[in-house]
C-alpha atoms as a PDB file:
ATOM      1  CA  MET A   1     -77.079 -56.502-110.501  1.00  0.00           C
ATOM      2  CA  THR A   2     -76.472 -58.990-113.401  1.00  0.00           C
ATOM      3  CA  VAL A   3     -73.300 -58.911-115.476  1.00  0.00           C
ATOM      4  CA  ALA A   4     -75.448 -57.474-118.524  1.00  0.00           C
ATOM      5  CA  GLU A   5     -76.565 -54.720-116.315  1.00  0.00           C
ATOM      6  CA  ALA A   6     -72.957 -53.934-115.093  1.00  0.00           C
ATOM      7  CA  ALA A   7     -71.692 -54.096-118.724  1.00  0.00           C
ATOM      8  CA  ARG A   8     -74.185 -51.449-119.770  1.00  0.00           C
ATOM      9  CA  ILE A   9     -73.317 -49.130-116.888  1.00  0.00           C
ATOM     10  CA  LEU A  10     -69.668 -49.544-117.603  1.00  0.00           C
ATOM     11  CA  GLU A  11     -70.109 -49.374-121.463  1.00  0.00           C
ATOM     12  CA  VAL A  12     -68.366 -52.495-122.171  1.00  0.00           C
ATOM     13  CA  THR A  13     -69.053 -56.000-123.171  1.00  0.00           C
ATOM     14  CA  PRO A  14     -70.426 -58.653-120.661  1.00  0.00           C
ATOM     15  CA  ALA A  15     -67.295 -60.664-121.474  1.00  0.00           C
ATOM     16  CA  THR A  16     -65.210 -57.813-120.228  1.00  0.00           C
ATOM     17  CA  VAL A  17     -67.202 -57.779-116.903  1.00  0.00           C
ATOM     18  CA  TYR A  18     -66.553 -61.437-116.754  1.00  0.00           C
ATOM     19  CA  LEU A  19     -62.950 -60.891-117.329  1.00  0.00           C
ATOM     20  CA  LEU A  20     -62.668 -58.259-114.621  1.00  0.00           C
ATOM     21  CA  CYS A  21     -64.438 -60.549-111.955  1.00  0.00           C
ATOM     22  CA  ARG A  22     -62.222 -63.391-113.053  1.00  0.00           C
ATOM     23  CA  GLU A  23     -59.142 -61.366-112.364  1.00  0.00           C
ATOM     24  CA  GLY A  24     -60.406 -60.151-108.984  1.00  0.00           C
ATOM     25  CA  ARG A  25     -60.453 -56.672-110.179  1.00  0.00           C
ATOM     26  CA  LEU A  26     -64.369 -56.353-109.731  1.00  0.00           C
ATOM     27  CA  ALA A  27     -65.887 -57.445-106.637  1.00  0.00           C
ATOM     28  CA  HIS A  28     -68.667 -59.846-106.933  1.00  0.00           C
ATOM     29  CA  ARG A  29     -70.671 -62.746-105.653  1.00  0.00           C
ATOM     30  CA  ARG A  30     -71.569 -66.072-107.103  1.00  0.00           C
ATOM     31  CA  ILE A  31     -74.904 -67.433-106.052  1.00  0.00           C
ATOM     32  CA  GLY A  32     -75.824 -71.045-106.865  1.00  0.00           C
ATOM     33  CA  LEU A  33     -74.530 -74.512-107.296  1.00  0.00           C
ATOM     34  CA  GLY A  34     -71.518 -75.174-109.574  1.00  0.00           C
ATOM     35  CA  ARG A  35     -70.470 -72.075-111.460  1.00  0.00           C
ATOM     36  CA  GLY A  36     -73.705 -70.257-110.263  1.00  0.00           C
ATOM     37  CA  VAL A  37     -74.502 -66.684-111.460  1.00  0.00           C
ATOM     38  CA  ILE A  38     -72.538 -63.644-110.938  1.00  0.00           C
ATOM     39  CA  ARG A  39     -74.243 -60.753-108.924  1.00  0.00           C
ATOM     40  CA  ILE A  40     -72.519 -57.388-108.672  1.00  0.00           C
ATOM     41  CA  ASP A  41     -73.527 -54.816-105.789  1.00  0.00           C
ATOM     42  CA  PRO A  42     -74.067 -51.314-107.141  1.00  0.00           C
ATOM     43  CA  GLU A  43     -72.043 -49.863-104.653  1.00  0.00           C
ATOM     44  CA  GLN A  44     -69.114 -52.079-105.481  1.00  0.00           C
ATOM     45  CA  LEU A  45     -69.554 -51.189-109.170  1.00  0.00           C
ATOM     46  CA  ASP A  46     -69.504 -47.613-108.184  1.00  0.00           C
ATOM     47  CA  GLU A  47     -66.217 -48.094-106.349  1.00  0.00           C
ATOM     48  CA  PHE A  48     -64.480 -49.816-109.283  1.00  0.00           C
ATOM     49  CA  ARG A  49     -65.498 -47.010-111.456  1.00  0.00           C
ATOM     50  CA  ARG A  50     -64.049 -44.513-109.161  1.00  0.00           C
ATOM     51  CA  SER A  51     -60.782 -46.524-108.904  1.00  0.00           C
ATOM     52  CA  CYS A  52     -60.446 -46.442-112.785  1.00  0.00           C
ATOM     53  CA  ALA A  53     -60.345 -42.658-112.844  1.00  0.00           C
ATOM     54  CA  VAL A  54     -57.240 -41.191-114.380  1.00  0.00           C
ATOM     55  CA  GLU A  55     -56.345 -37.841-113.065  1.00  0.00           C
ATOM     56  CA  VAL A  56     -54.770 -35.365-115.800  1.00  0.00           C
ATOM     57  CA  ALA A  57     -52.386 -32.695-114.527  1.00  0.00           C
ATOM     58  CA  PRO A  58     -53.085 -29.327-115.832  1.00  0.00           C
ATOM     59  CA  ARG A  59     -50.486 -27.884-118.162  1.00  0.00           C
ATOM     60  CA  GLU A  60     -48.332 -24.921-116.857  1.00  0.00           C
ATOM     61  CA  ALA A  61     -47.823 -21.903-118.900  1.00  0.00           C
ATOM     62  CA  GLY A  62     -45.039 -22.188-121.291  1.00  0.00           C
ATOM     63  CA  GLN A  63     -44.885 -26.031-121.080  1.00  0.00           C
ATOM     64  CA  GLY A  64     -45.534 -27.797-124.297  1.00  0.00           C
ATOM     65  CA  GLY A  65     -47.263 -26.487-127.290  1.00  0.00           C
ATOM     66  CA  ARG A  66     -48.832 -28.062-130.117  1.00  0.00           C
ATOM     67  CA  PRO A  67     -48.435 -31.913-130.307  1.00  0.00           C
ATOM     68  CA  ALA A  68     -45.791 -33.058-132.676  1.00  0.00           C
ATOM     69  CA  GLN A  69     -47.051 -33.691-136.202  1.00  0.00           C
ATOM     70  CA  ARG A  70     -46.348 -36.773-138.239  1.00  0.00           C
ATOM     71  CA  ARG A  71     -44.982 -36.377-141.716  1.00  0.00           C
ATOM     72  CA  PRO A  72     -46.798 -38.070-144.483  1.00  0.00           C
ATOM     73  CA  ALA A  73     -45.519 -41.485-145.516  1.00  0.00           C
ATOM     74  CA  SER A  74     -44.363 -40.224-148.824  1.00  0.00           C
ATOM     75  CA  VAL A  75     -41.962 -37.799-147.018  1.00  0.00           C
ATOM     76  CA  ARG A  76     -40.792 -39.952-144.135  1.00  0.00           C
ATOM     77  CA  PRO A  77     -37.494 -41.801-144.525  1.00  0.00           C
ATOM     78  CA  GLY A  78     -38.230 -45.222-145.808  1.00  0.00           C
ATOM     79  CA  GLY A  79     -41.549 -44.287-147.070  1.00  0.00           C
ATOM     80  CA  PRO A  80     -43.398 -45.668-150.274  1.00  0.00           C
ATOM     81  CA  LYS A  81     -41.594 -45.170-153.344  1.00  0.00           C
ATOM     82  CA  PRO A  82     -43.123 -43.454-156.252  1.00  0.00           C
ATOM     83  CA  LYS A  83     -44.769 -45.963-158.797  1.00  0.00           C
ATOM     84  CA  TRP A  84     -43.395 -44.072-161.791  1.00  0.00           C
ATOM     85  CA  ASP A  85     -39.894 -42.793-162.280  1.00  0.00           C
ATOM     86  CA  HIS A  86     -40.742 -39.315-163.726  1.00  0.00           C
ATOM     87  CA  PHE A  87     -42.101 -38.118-160.321  1.00  0.00           C
END
């Protein structure tokens, strides 16, 4: 498959696919003279996708709760100063 087809499957830009190939992270073939063209086997693309999967551990009961809430900038130390003195 072409770089454009691989990019569509991975939902990234072709430039990202070229970068992955250049860094040796995505197996590919160069066909032709000079720089040639890049071709990617569908099986190797599937293998790359599987290698990118991130496993998420389930939370145990009683571990964690709501995520921490950020205070608005006006309440944070060093936040913006009021425009007028009478506030």
